[in-house]
PDB file of N, CA and C in Angstrom:
ATOM      1  N   MET A   1       7.172   0.408  -5.370  1.00  0.00           N
ATOM      2  CA  MET A   1       6.415   1.520  -5.933  1.00  0.00           C
ATOM      3  C   MET A   1       7.069   2.328  -4.432  1.00  0.00           C
ATOM      4  N   ARG A   2       8.060   3.472  -4.846  1.00  0.00           N
ATOM      5  CA  ARG A   2       8.257   4.249  -3.694  1.00  0.00           C
ATOM      6  C   ARG A   2       7.106   4.825  -2.639  1.00  0.00           C
ATOM      7  N   ILE A   3       7.704   4.417  -1.249  1.00  0.00           N
ATOM      8  CA  ILE A   3       6.640   4.492  -0.056  1.00  0.00           C
ATOM      9  C   ILE A   3       5.780   5.670   0.042  1.00  0.00           C
ATOM     10  N   SER A   4       7.083   6.871  -0.702  1.00  0.00           N
ATOM     11  CA  SER A   4       6.539   8.118  -0.760  1.00  0.00           C
ATOM     12  C   SER A   4       5.561   8.258  -1.309  1.00  0.00           C
ATOM     13  N   ARG A   5       5.021   7.798  -2.902  1.00  0.00           N
ATOM     14  CA  ARG A   5       4.046   7.712  -3.125  1.00  0.00           C
ATOM     15  C   ARG A   5       2.779   7.044  -2.432  1.00  0.00           C
ATOM     16  N   VAL A   6       3.955   5.746  -2.031  1.00  0.00           N
ATOM     17  CA  VAL A   6       1.814   5.144  -1.341  1.00  0.00           C
ATOM     18  C   VAL A   6       1.490   6.482  -0.590  1.00  0.00           C
ATOM     19  N   ALA A   7       2.473   7.185   0.120  1.00  0.00           N
ATOM     20  CA  ALA A   7       1.620   8.135   1.517  1.00  0.00           C
ATOM     21  C   ALA A   7       1.242   9.078   0.518  1.00  0.00           C
ATOM     22  N   GLU A   8       1.424   9.761  -0.928  1.00  0.00           N
ATOM     23  CA  GLU A   8       0.599  10.414  -1.277  1.00  0.00           C
ATOM     24  C   GLU A   8      -0.758   9.736  -1.870  1.00  0.00           C
ATOM     25  N   SER A   9      -1.174   8.164  -2.333  1.00  0.00           N
ATOM     26  CA  SER A   9      -2.303   7.796  -2.263  1.00  0.00           C
ATOM     27  C   SER A   9      -3.220   7.855  -1.284  1.00  0.00           C
ATOM     28  N   TYR A  10      -2.312   7.644   0.017  1.00  0.00           N
ATOM     29  CA  TYR A  10      -3.190   7.988   1.061  1.00  0.00           C
ATOM     30  C   TYR A  10      -3.199   8.754   1.521  1.00  0.00           C
ATOM     31  N   TRP A  11      -3.076   9.840   1.225  1.00  0.00           N
ATOM     32  CA  TRP A  11      -3.646  11.391   1.668  1.00  0.00           C
ATOM     33  C   TRP A  11      -4.476  11.670   0.814  1.00  0.00           C
ATOM     34  N   HIS A  12      -4.420  11.357  -0.570  1.00  0.00           N
ATOM     35  CA  HIS A  12      -5.832  11.779  -1.654  1.00  0.00           C
ATOM     36  C   HIS A  12      -6.935  10.906  -0.889  1.00  0.00           C
ATOM     37  N   LEU A  13      -6.805   9.836  -0.434  1.00  0.00           N
ATOM     38  CA  LEU A  13      -7.912   9.231  -0.275  1.00  0.00           C
ATOM     39  C   LEU A  13      -8.373   8.596   0.725  1.00  0.00           C
ATOM     40  N   ASN A  14      -7.822   9.649   1.789  1.00  0.00           N
ATOM     41  CA  ASN A  14      -8.045   9.799   3.752  1.00  0.00           C
ATOM     42  C   ASN A  14      -8.184  11.205   3.682  1.00  0.00           C
ATOM     43  N   ASP A  15      -7.707  11.852   3.281  1.00  0.00           N
ATOM     44  CA  ASP A  15      -7.638  13.793   4.369  1.00  0.00           C
ATOM     45  C   ASP A  15      -8.684  14.342   2.784  1.00  0.00           C
ATOM     46  N   ASN A  16      -8.060  14.541   1.901  1.00  0.00           N
ATOM     47  CA  ASN A  16      -7.887  14.657   0.814  1.00  0.00           C
ATOM     48  C   ASN A  16      -9.108  14.264  -0.547  1.00  0.00           C
ATOM     49  N   ILE A  17     -10.536  14.573   0.744  1.00  0.00           N
ATOM     50  CA  ILE A  17     -11.324  13.466   0.146  1.00  0.00           C
ATOM     51  C   ILE A  17     -12.879  14.315   0.294  1.00  0.00           C
ATOM     52  N   GLN A  18     -14.043  14.255  -0.283  1.00  0.00           N
ATOM     53  CA  GLN A  18     -15.320  14.793   0.684  1.00  0.00           C
ATOM     54  C   GLN A  18     -15.600  13.981   1.296  1.00  0.00           C
ATOM     55  N   ASP A  19     -16.373  13.692   2.971  1.00  0.00           N
ATOM     56  CA  ASP A  19     -16.341  13.303   3.292  1.00  0.00           C
ATOM     57  C   ASP A  19     -17.492  11.713   2.934  1.00  0.00           C
ATOM     58  N   SER A  20     -18.113  12.611   1.878  1.00  0.00           N
ATOM     59  CA  SER A  20     -19.309  11.295   1.340  1.00  0.00           C
ATOM     60  C   SER A  20     -18.029  10.275   0.692  1.00  0.00           C
ATOM     61  N   GLN A  21     -17.154  10.612   0.241  1.00  0.00           N
ATOM     62  CA  GLN A  21     -16.301   8.937  -0.159  1.00  0.00           C
ATOM     63  C   GLN A  21     -15.666   8.799   0.325  1.00  0.00           C
ATOM     64  N   LYS A  22     -15.140   9.189   1.264  1.00  0.00           N
ATOM     65  CA  LYS A  22     -14.281   8.152   2.726  1.00  0.00           C
ATOM     66  C   LYS A  22     -14.563   6.830   2.731  1.00  0.00           C
ATOM     67  N   SER A  23     -13.861   5.965   2.711  1.00  0.00           N
ATOM     68  CA  SER A  23     -13.757   4.679   2.608  1.00  0.00           C
ATOM     69  C   SER A  23     -14.702   4.256   1.217  1.00  0.00           C
ATOM     70  N   LEU A  24     -14.579   4.438   0.874  1.00  0.00           N
ATOM     71  CA  LEU A  24     -15.056   3.926  -0.377  1.00  0.00           C
ATOM     72  C   LEU A  24     -13.931   3.592  -1.442  1.00  0.00           C
ATOM     73  N   PHE A  25     -12.431   4.210  -0.851  1.00  0.00           N
ATOM     74  CA  PHE A  25     -11.553   3.136  -1.554  1.00  0.00           C
ATOM     75  C   PHE A  25     -10.073   3.543  -0.437  1.00  0.00           C
ATOM     76  N   LYS A  26      -9.341   2.393  -0.594  1.00  0.00           N
ATOM     77  CA  LYS A  26      -8.662   2.152   0.306  1.00  0.00           C
ATOM     78  C   LYS A  26      -7.035   2.202  -0.377  1.00  0.00           C
ATOM     79  N   THR A  27      -6.162   2.559   0.424  1.00  0.00           N
ATOM     80  CA  THR A  27      -4.465   2.058   0.265  1.00  0.00           C
ATOM     81  C   THR A  27      -3.923   1.362   1.262  1.00  0.00           C
ATOM     82  N   VAL A  28      -3.753   0.594   0.449  1.00  0.00           N
ATOM     83  CA  VAL A  28      -3.055  -0.912   1.605  1.00  0.00           C
ATOM     84  C   VAL A  28      -1.741  -1.181   1.561  1.00  0.00           C
ATOM     85  N   LEU A  29      -0.956  -0.986   2.752  1.00  0.00           N
ATOM     86  CA  LEU A  29       0.043  -1.454   2.325  1.00  0.00           C
ATOM     87  C   LEU A  29       0.293  -2.658   2.959  1.00  0.00           C
ATOM     88  N   VAL A  30       1.210  -3.371   2.126  1.00  0.00           N
ATOM     89  CA  VAL A  30       1.275  -5.268   2.549  1.00  0.00           C
ATOM     90  C   VAL A  30       3.121  -5.339   3.145  1.00  0.00           C
ATOM     91  N   ASN A  31       3.460  -5.316   4.239  1.00  0.00           N
ATOM     92  CA  ASN A  31       4.205  -5.047   5.000  1.00  0.00           C
ATOM     93  C   ASN A  31       5.392  -6.271   4.353  1.00  0.00           C
ATOM     94  N   GLY A  32       6.426  -5.936   4.322  1.00  0.00           N
ATOM     95  CA  GLY A  32       7.569  -7.232   3.744  1.00  0.00           C
ATOM     96  C   GLY A  32       7.241  -7.233   2.144  1.00  0.00           C
ATOM     97  N   MET A  33       6.341  -6.589   1.880  1.00  0.00           N
ATOM     98  CA  MET A  33       6.420  -7.584   0.172  1.00  0.00           C
ATOM     99  C   MET A  33       7.418  -6.461  -0.859  1.00  0.00           C
ATOM    100  N   ASN A  34       7.840  -6.742  -1.725  1.00  0.00           N
ATOM    101  CA  ASN A  34       8.316  -5.395  -2.584  1.00  0.00           C
ATOM    102  C   ASN A  34       7.921  -6.312  -4.307  1.00  0.00           C
ATOM    103  N   HIS A  35       8.754  -5.915  -5.112  1.00  0.00           N
ATOM    104  CA  HIS A  35       7.957  -5.862  -6.480  1.00  0.00           C
ATOM    105  C   HIS A  35       7.772  -7.263  -6.648  1.00  0.00           C
ATOM    106  N   GLY A  36       8.933  -8.357  -6.811  1.00  0.00           N
ATOM    107  CA  GLY A  36       9.064  -9.392  -7.062  1.00  0.00           C
ATOM    108  C   GLY A  36       8.049 -10.449  -6.512  1.00  0.00           C
ATOM    109  N   ALA A  37       7.681 -10.215  -4.907  1.00  0.00           N
ATOM    110  CA  ALA A  37       7.335 -11.165  -4.448  1.00  0.00           C
ATOM    111  C   ALA A  37       5.671 -11.583  -5.648  1.00  0.00           C
ATOM    112  N   PHE A  38       5.399 -10.773  -6.225  1.00  0.00           N
ATOM    113  CA  PHE A  38       3.589 -11.126  -7.051  1.00  0.00           C
ATOM    114  C   PHE A  38       4.331 -11.643  -8.071  1.00  0.00           C
ATOM    115  N   LEU A  39       5.418 -12.147  -8.469  1.00  0.00           N
ATOM    116  CA  LEU A  39       6.305 -12.675  -9.947  1.00  0.00           C
ATOM    117  C   LEU A  39       5.610 -14.115  -9.593  1.00  0.00           C
ATOM    118  N   SER A  40       5.568 -15.061 -10.313  1.00  0.00           N
ATOM    119  CA  SER A  40       5.974 -16.056 -10.650  1.00  0.00           C
ATOM    120  C   SER A  40       6.920 -16.302 -11.468  1.00  0.00           C
ATOM    121  N   GLY A  41       7.953 -17.928 -11.337  1.00  0.00           N
ATOM    122  CA  GLY A  41       9.017 -18.054 -11.842  1.00  0.00           C
ATOM    123  C   GLY A  41      10.076 -16.860 -11.537  1.00  0.00           C
ATOM    124  N   ASN A  42      11.180 -16.897 -13.047  1.00  0.00           N
ATOM    125  CA  ASN A  42      12.431 -16.042 -12.977  1.00  0.00           C
ATOM    126  C   ASN A  42      11.944 -14.453 -12.594  1.00  0.00           C
ATOM    127  N   LYS A  43      12.765 -13.287 -12.049  1.00  0.00           N
ATOM    128  CA  LYS A  43      12.747 -12.505 -12.135  1.00  0.00           C
ATOM    129  C   LYS A  43      12.983 -11.903 -13.271  1.00  0.00           C
ATOM    130  N   PRO A  44      12.831 -11.037 -13.848  1.00  0.00           N
ATOM    131  CA  PRO A  44      13.642 -10.453 -14.599  1.00  0.00           C
ATOM    132  C   PRO A  44      15.077  -9.823 -14.217  1.00  0.00           C
ATOM    133  N   GLN A  45      15.908  -9.875 -15.030  1.00  0.00           N
ATOM    134  CA  GLN A  45      17.387  -9.688 -14.135  1.00  0.00           C
ATOM    135  C   GLN A  45      17.301  -8.009 -13.410  1.00  0.00           C
ATOM    136  N   TYR A  46      17.042  -7.095 -14.169  1.00  0.00           N
ATOM    137  CA  TYR A  46      17.163  -5.878 -13.246  1.00  0.00           C
ATOM    138  C   TYR A  46      16.114  -5.397 -12.194  1.00  0.00           C
ATOM    139  N   LEU A  47      14.750  -6.165 -12.144  1.00  0.00           N
ATOM    140  CA  LEU A  47      13.921  -6.772 -10.888  1.00  0.00           C
ATOM    141  C   LEU A  47      14.904  -7.190  -9.699  1.00  0.00           C
ATOM    142  N   ALA A  48      15.418  -8.498 -10.205  1.00  0.00           N
ATOM    143  CA  ALA A  48      16.754  -9.442  -9.487  1.00  0.00           C
ATOM    144  C   ALA A  48      17.634  -8.751  -8.692  1.00  0.00           C
ATOM    145  N   ASP A  49      18.387  -7.599  -9.710  1.00  0.00           N
ATOM    146  CA  ASP A  49      19.592  -6.818  -9.086  1.00  0.00           C
ATOM    147  C   ASP A  49      19.239  -6.214  -8.293  1.00  0.00           C
ATOM    148  N   HIS A  50      17.997  -5.417  -8.479  1.00  0.00           N
ATOM    149  CA  HIS A  50      17.160  -3.697  -7.845  1.00  0.00           C
ATOM    150  C   HIS A  50      16.855  -3.723  -6.878  1.00  0.00           C
ATOM    151  N   ASP A  51      15.583  -5.048  -6.943  1.00  0.00           N
ATOM    152  CA  ASP A  51      14.520  -4.764  -6.080  1.00  0.00           C
ATOM    153  C   ASP A  51      15.159  -5.403  -4.686  1.00  0.00           C
ATOM    154  N   LEU A  52      14.393  -4.748  -3.550  1.00  0.00           N
ATOM    155  CA  LEU A  52      14.835  -5.042  -1.912  1.00  0.00           C
ATOM    156  C   LEU A  52      13.880  -6.134  -1.789  1.00  0.00           C
ATOM    157  N   PRO A  53      14.678  -6.860  -0.834  1.00  0.00           N
ATOM    158  CA  PRO A  53      14.425  -8.168  -0.858  1.00  0.00           C
ATOM    159  C   PRO A  53      13.356  -8.691   0.227  1.00  0.00           C
ATOM    160  N   ALA A  54      12.364  -9.418   0.172  1.00  0.00           N
ATOM    161  CA  ALA A  54      10.767  -9.555   0.724  1.00  0.00           C
ATOM    162  C   ALA A  54      11.497 -10.112   1.623  1.00  0.00           C
ATOM    163  N   GLU A  55      10.449  -9.907   2.589  1.00  0.00           N
ATOM    164  CA  GLU A  55      10.164 -10.242   4.578  1.00  0.00           C
ATOM    165  C   GLU A  55       9.500 -11.531   4.862  1.00  0.00           C
ATOM    166  N   GLY A  56       9.706 -12.343   3.992  1.00  0.00           N
ATOM    167  CA  GLY A  56       8.691 -13.695   4.206  1.00  0.00           C
ATOM    168  C   GLY A  56       8.313 -13.966   2.898  1.00  0.00           C
ATOM    169  N   ASP A  57       7.259 -14.335   2.294  1.00  0.00           N
ATOM    170  CA  ASP A  57       6.539 -14.982   1.626  1.00  0.00           C
ATOM    171  C   ASP A  57       4.821 -15.200   1.371  1.00  0.00           C
ATOM    172  N   GLY A  58       4.259 -15.524   1.039  1.00  0.00           N
ATOM    173  CA  GLY A  58       2.700 -15.688   0.872  1.00  0.00           C
ATOM    174  C   GLY A  58       1.950 -14.196   0.132  1.00  0.00           C
ATOM    175  N   PHE A  59       2.823 -13.250  -0.097  1.00  0.00           N
ATOM    176  CA  PHE A  59       2.126 -12.098  -0.769  1.00  0.00           C
ATOM    177  C   PHE A  59       1.234 -12.398  -1.173  1.00  0.00           C
ATOM    178  N   VAL A  60       1.130 -12.902  -1.955  1.00  0.00           N
ATOM    179  CA  VAL A  60      -0.212 -13.279  -3.394  1.00  0.00           C
ATOM    180  C   VAL A  60      -1.455 -13.410  -2.542  1.00  0.00           C
ATOM    181  N   THR A  61      -1.351 -14.570  -1.767  1.00  0.00           N
ATOM    182  CA  THR A  61      -2.538 -14.665  -0.671  1.00  0.00           C
ATOM    183  C   THR A  61      -2.994 -13.108  -0.369  1.00  0.00           C
ATOM    184  N   LYS A  62      -2.006 -12.674   0.442  1.00  0.00           N
ATOM    185  CA  LYS A  62      -2.632 -11.538   0.747  1.00  0.00           C
ATOM    186  C   LYS A  62      -3.267 -10.268   0.055  1.00  0.00           C
ATOM    187  N   VAL A  63      -2.326  -9.917  -0.901  1.00  0.00           N
ATOM    188  CA  VAL A  63      -2.776  -9.141  -1.906  1.00  0.00           C
ATOM    189  C   VAL A  63      -4.196  -9.765  -2.166  1.00  0.00           C
ATOM    190  N   ALA A  64      -4.059 -10.485  -2.506  1.00  0.00           N
ATOM    191  CA  ALA A  64      -5.884 -11.515  -3.123  1.00  0.00           C
ATOM    192  C   ALA A  64      -6.522 -11.232  -1.998  1.00  0.00           C
ATOM    193  N   ASP A  65      -6.428 -11.716  -0.669  1.00  0.00           N
ATOM    194  CA  ASP A  65      -7.305 -11.370   0.579  1.00  0.00           C
ATOM    195  C   ASP A  65      -7.699  -9.901   0.370  1.00  0.00           C
ATOM    196  N   VAL A  66      -7.018  -9.071   0.184  1.00  0.00           N
ATOM    197  CA  VAL A  66      -7.146  -7.423   0.080  1.00  0.00           C
ATOM    198  C   VAL A  66      -8.643  -7.071  -1.069  1.00  0.00           C
ATOM    199  N   ILE A  67      -7.924  -7.557  -2.257  1.00  0.00           N
ATOM    200  CA  ILE A  67      -8.844  -6.955  -2.866  1.00  0.00           C
ATOM    201  C   ILE A  67     -10.645  -7.759  -3.204  1.00  0.00           C
ATOM    202  N   ASN A  68     -10.083  -9.656  -2.932  1.00  0.00           N
ATOM    203  CA  ASN A  68     -11.586 -10.395  -2.379  1.00  0.00           C
ATOM    204  C   ASN A  68     -12.640  -9.749  -1.629  1.00  0.00           C
ATOM    205  N   SER A  69     -11.458  -8.984  -0.528  1.00  0.00           N
ATOM    206  CA  SER A  69     -12.520  -8.065   0.370  1.00  0.00           C
ATOM    207  C   SER A  69     -13.351  -6.593  -0.019  1.00  0.00           C
ATOM    208  N   PHE A  70     -12.448  -5.980  -1.016  1.00  0.00           N
ATOM    209  CA  PHE A  70     -12.215  -4.753  -1.485  1.00  0.00           C
ATOM    210  C   PHE A  70     -14.009  -4.929  -2.335  1.00  0.00           C
ATOM    211  N   VAL A  71     -14.104  -5.716  -3.588  1.00  0.00           N
ATOM    212  CA  VAL A  71     -14.458  -6.086  -4.247  1.00  0.00           C
ATOM    213  C   VAL A  71     -15.761  -6.334  -3.645  1.00  0.00           C
ATOM    214  N   SER A  72     -16.017  -7.603  -3.250  1.00  0.00           N
ATOM    215  CA  SER A  72     -17.084  -8.466  -2.122  1.00  0.00           C
ATOM    216  C   SER A  72     -17.860  -7.177  -0.858  1.00  0.00           C
ATOM    217  N   GLY A  73     -17.402  -5.758  -1.061  1.00  0.00           N
ATOM    218  CA  GLY A  73     -17.669  -4.909  -0.179  1.00  0.00           C
ATOM    219  C   GLY A  73     -17.721  -4.925   1.382  1.00  0.00           C
ATOM    220  N   ALA A  74     -17.053  -6.248   1.944  1.00  0.00           N
ATOM    221  CA  ALA A  74     -16.710  -6.291   3.340  1.00  0.00           C
ATOM    222  C   ALA A  74     -15.647  -5.254   3.856  1.00  0.00           C
ATOM    223  N   ASN A  75     -14.817  -4.755   3.367  1.00  0.00           N
ATOM    224  CA  ASN A  75     -13.704  -3.670   3.725  1.00  0.00           C
ATOM    225  C   ASN A  75     -13.443  -4.719   5.046  1.00  0.00           C
ATOM    226  N   ASP A  76     -12.780  -5.413   4.976  1.00  0.00           N
ATOM    227  CA  ASP A  76     -12.416  -5.984   6.841  1.00  0.00           C
ATOM    228  C   ASP A  76     -11.577  -6.131   6.441  1.00  0.00           C
ATOM    229  N   PHE A  77     -10.213  -6.200   6.215  1.00  0.00           N
ATOM    230  CA  PHE A  77      -9.357  -6.471   5.739  1.00  0.00           C
ATOM    231  C   PHE A  77      -8.494  -5.182   7.087  1.00  0.00           C
ATOM    232  N   GLU A  78      -7.689  -5.578   7.599  1.00  0.00           N
ATOM    233  CA  GLU A  78      -6.599  -4.883   8.830  1.00  0.00           C
ATOM    234  C   GLU A  78      -5.903  -3.413   7.936  1.00  0.00           C
ATOM    235  N   ASN A  79      -6.412  -2.421   8.245  1.00  0.00           N
ATOM    236  CA  ASN A  79      -5.499  -1.571   7.858  1.00  0.00           C
ATOM    237  C   ASN A  79      -4.758  -0.892   8.944  1.00  0.00           C
ATOM    238  N   ASP A  80      -4.664  -1.339  10.036  1.00  0.00           N
ATOM    239  CA  ASP A  80      -4.042  -0.098  11.423  1.00  0.00           C
ATOM    240  C   ASP A  80      -2.917  -0.048  10.855  1.00  0.00           C
ATOM    241  N   SER A  81      -1.892  -0.905  10.106  1.00  0.00           N
ATOM    242  CA  SER A  81      -0.336  -0.937   9.931  1.00  0.00           C
ATOM    243  C   SER A  81      -0.358  -0.090   8.789  1.00  0.00           C
ATOM    244  N   THR A  82      -1.270   0.160   8.122  1.00  0.00           N
ATOM    245  CA  THR A  82      -0.909   0.908   6.757  1.00  0.00           C
ATOM    246  C   THR A  82      -0.961   2.337   7.341  1.00  0.00           C
ATOM    247  N   GLU A  83      -2.496   2.914   8.115  1.00  0.00           N
ATOM    248  CA  GLU A  83      -1.941   4.114   9.199  1.00  0.00           C
ATOM    249  C   GLU A  83      -0.879   4.116   9.962  1.00  0.00           C
ATOM    250  N   LEU A  84      -0.025   3.253  10.897  1.00  0.00           N
ATOM    251  CA  LEU A  84       0.960   3.672  11.569  1.00  0.00           C
ATOM    252  C   LEU A  84       2.164   4.092  10.363  1.00  0.00           C
ATOM    253  N   ALA A  85       2.328   3.438   9.067  1.00  0.00           N
ATOM    254  CA  ALA A  85       3.600   3.704   8.090  1.00  0.00           C
ATOM    255  C   ALA A  85       3.211   4.853   7.476  1.00  0.00           C
ATOM    256  N   LEU A  86       2.315   4.843   7.478  1.00  0.00           N
ATOM    257  CA  LEU A  86       2.201   6.512   6.254  1.00  0.00           C
ATOM    258  C   LEU A  86       1.609   7.287   7.156  1.00  0.00           C
ATOM    259  N   ARG A  87       0.878   7.743   8.157  1.00  0.00           N
ATOM    260  CA  ARG A  87       0.562   8.969   8.821  1.00  0.00           C
ATOM    261  C   ARG A  87       1.805   9.606   9.026  1.00  0.00           C
ATOM    262  N   PRO A  88       3.328   9.165   9.458  1.00  0.00           N
ATOM    263  CA  PRO A  88       4.116   9.945   9.648  1.00  0.00           C
ATOM    264  C   PRO A  88       4.435  10.895   8.157  1.00  0.00           C
ATOM    265  N   LEU A  89       5.241   9.903   7.150  1.00  0.00           N
ATOM    266  CA  LEU A  89       5.097  10.829   5.791  1.00  0.00           C
ATOM    267  C   LEU A  89       3.901  11.580   5.386  1.00  0.00           C
ATOM    268  N   VAL A  90       2.815  11.543   5.622  1.00  0.00           N
ATOM    269  CA  VAL A  90       1.849  12.120   5.221  1.00  0.00           C
ATOM    270  C   VAL A  90       1.661  13.590   6.175  1.00  0.00           C
ATOM    271  N   GLN A  91       1.986  13.602   7.497  1.00  0.00           N
ATOM    272  CA  GLN A  91       2.263  14.679   8.776  1.00  0.00           C
ATOM    273  C   GLN A  91       3.694  15.535   7.758  1.00  0.00           C
ATOM    274  N   ALA A  92       4.504  14.587   7.874  1.00  0.00           N
ATOM    275  CA  ALA A  92       6.133  15.193   7.032  1.00  0.00           C
ATOM    276  C   ALA A  92       5.610  16.430   5.569  1.00  0.00           C
ATOM    277  N   MET A  93       5.516  15.518   4.503  1.00  0.00           N
ATOM    278  CA  MET A  93       4.317  16.012   3.448  1.00  0.00           C
ATOM    279  C   MET A  93       3.662  17.379   3.326  1.00  0.00           C
ATOM    280  N   GLU A  94       2.248  17.307   4.887  1.00  0.00           N
ATOM    281  CA  GLU A  94       1.763  18.875   4.593  1.00  0.00           C
ATOM    282  C   GLU A  94       2.629  19.680   5.274  1.00  0.00           C
ATOM    283  N   LEU A  95       3.549  19.517   6.539  1.00  0.00           N
ATOM    284  CA  LEU A  95       4.576  20.723   6.739  1.00  0.00           C
ATOM    285  C   LEU A  95       5.257  21.058   6.001  1.00  0.00           C
ATOM    286  N   GLU A  96       5.883  20.092   5.496  1.00  0.00           N
ATOM    287  CA  GLU A  96       6.579  21.142   4.014  1.00  0.00           C
ATOM    288  C   GLU A  96       6.197  22.202   2.914  1.00  0.00           C
ATOM    289  N   GLY A  97       4.633  21.562   3.408  1.00  0.00           N
ATOM    290  CA  GLY A  97       4.104  22.136   2.322  1.00  0.00           C
ATOM    291  C   GLY A  97       3.634  21.631   0.653  1.00  0.00           C
ATOM    292  N   TYR A  98       4.325  20.249   0.840  1.00  0.00           N
ATOM    293  CA  TYR A  98       3.817  19.511  -0.104  1.00  0.00           C
ATOM    294  C   TYR A  98       2.073  19.566  -0.837  1.00  0.00           C
ATOM    295  N   TYR A  99       1.241  19.687  -0.210  1.00  0.00           N
ATOM    296  CA  TYR A  99      -0.238  20.058  -0.660  1.00  0.00           C
ATOM    297  C   TYR A  99      -0.795  20.820  -0.180  1.00  0.00           C
TER     298      TYR A  99
END
C-alpha cells in the first residue's frame, strides 16, 4: 500500500473524526513490512519482481498482535512510530490543500 494512502487513512481516523469516535479505530504502520511479508509459500511472480524487500521477519506475528489488541479492546500496541512516520505526510497534505 502506498504510504500516502496510509497517511490519508491516518488523517481520517485521527484528525477528521468526531471526538466521540477518536481512538475507536486505528491506523498502524508496521515498519519494514512489505506486501509479500504476509504471505506463506512462493510469492506471485509480479510481487516478487516489484515488491520492495522486507526489512526483517516476524511480520505475521506483529500484525496478529495488533489485531488481537484491537479485537480484545486492549489497544495497548505501540503506535508512536506510526505518528512519527505519518504526521509529516499529513501536514504536507494539509498544506497543499489535499483536504
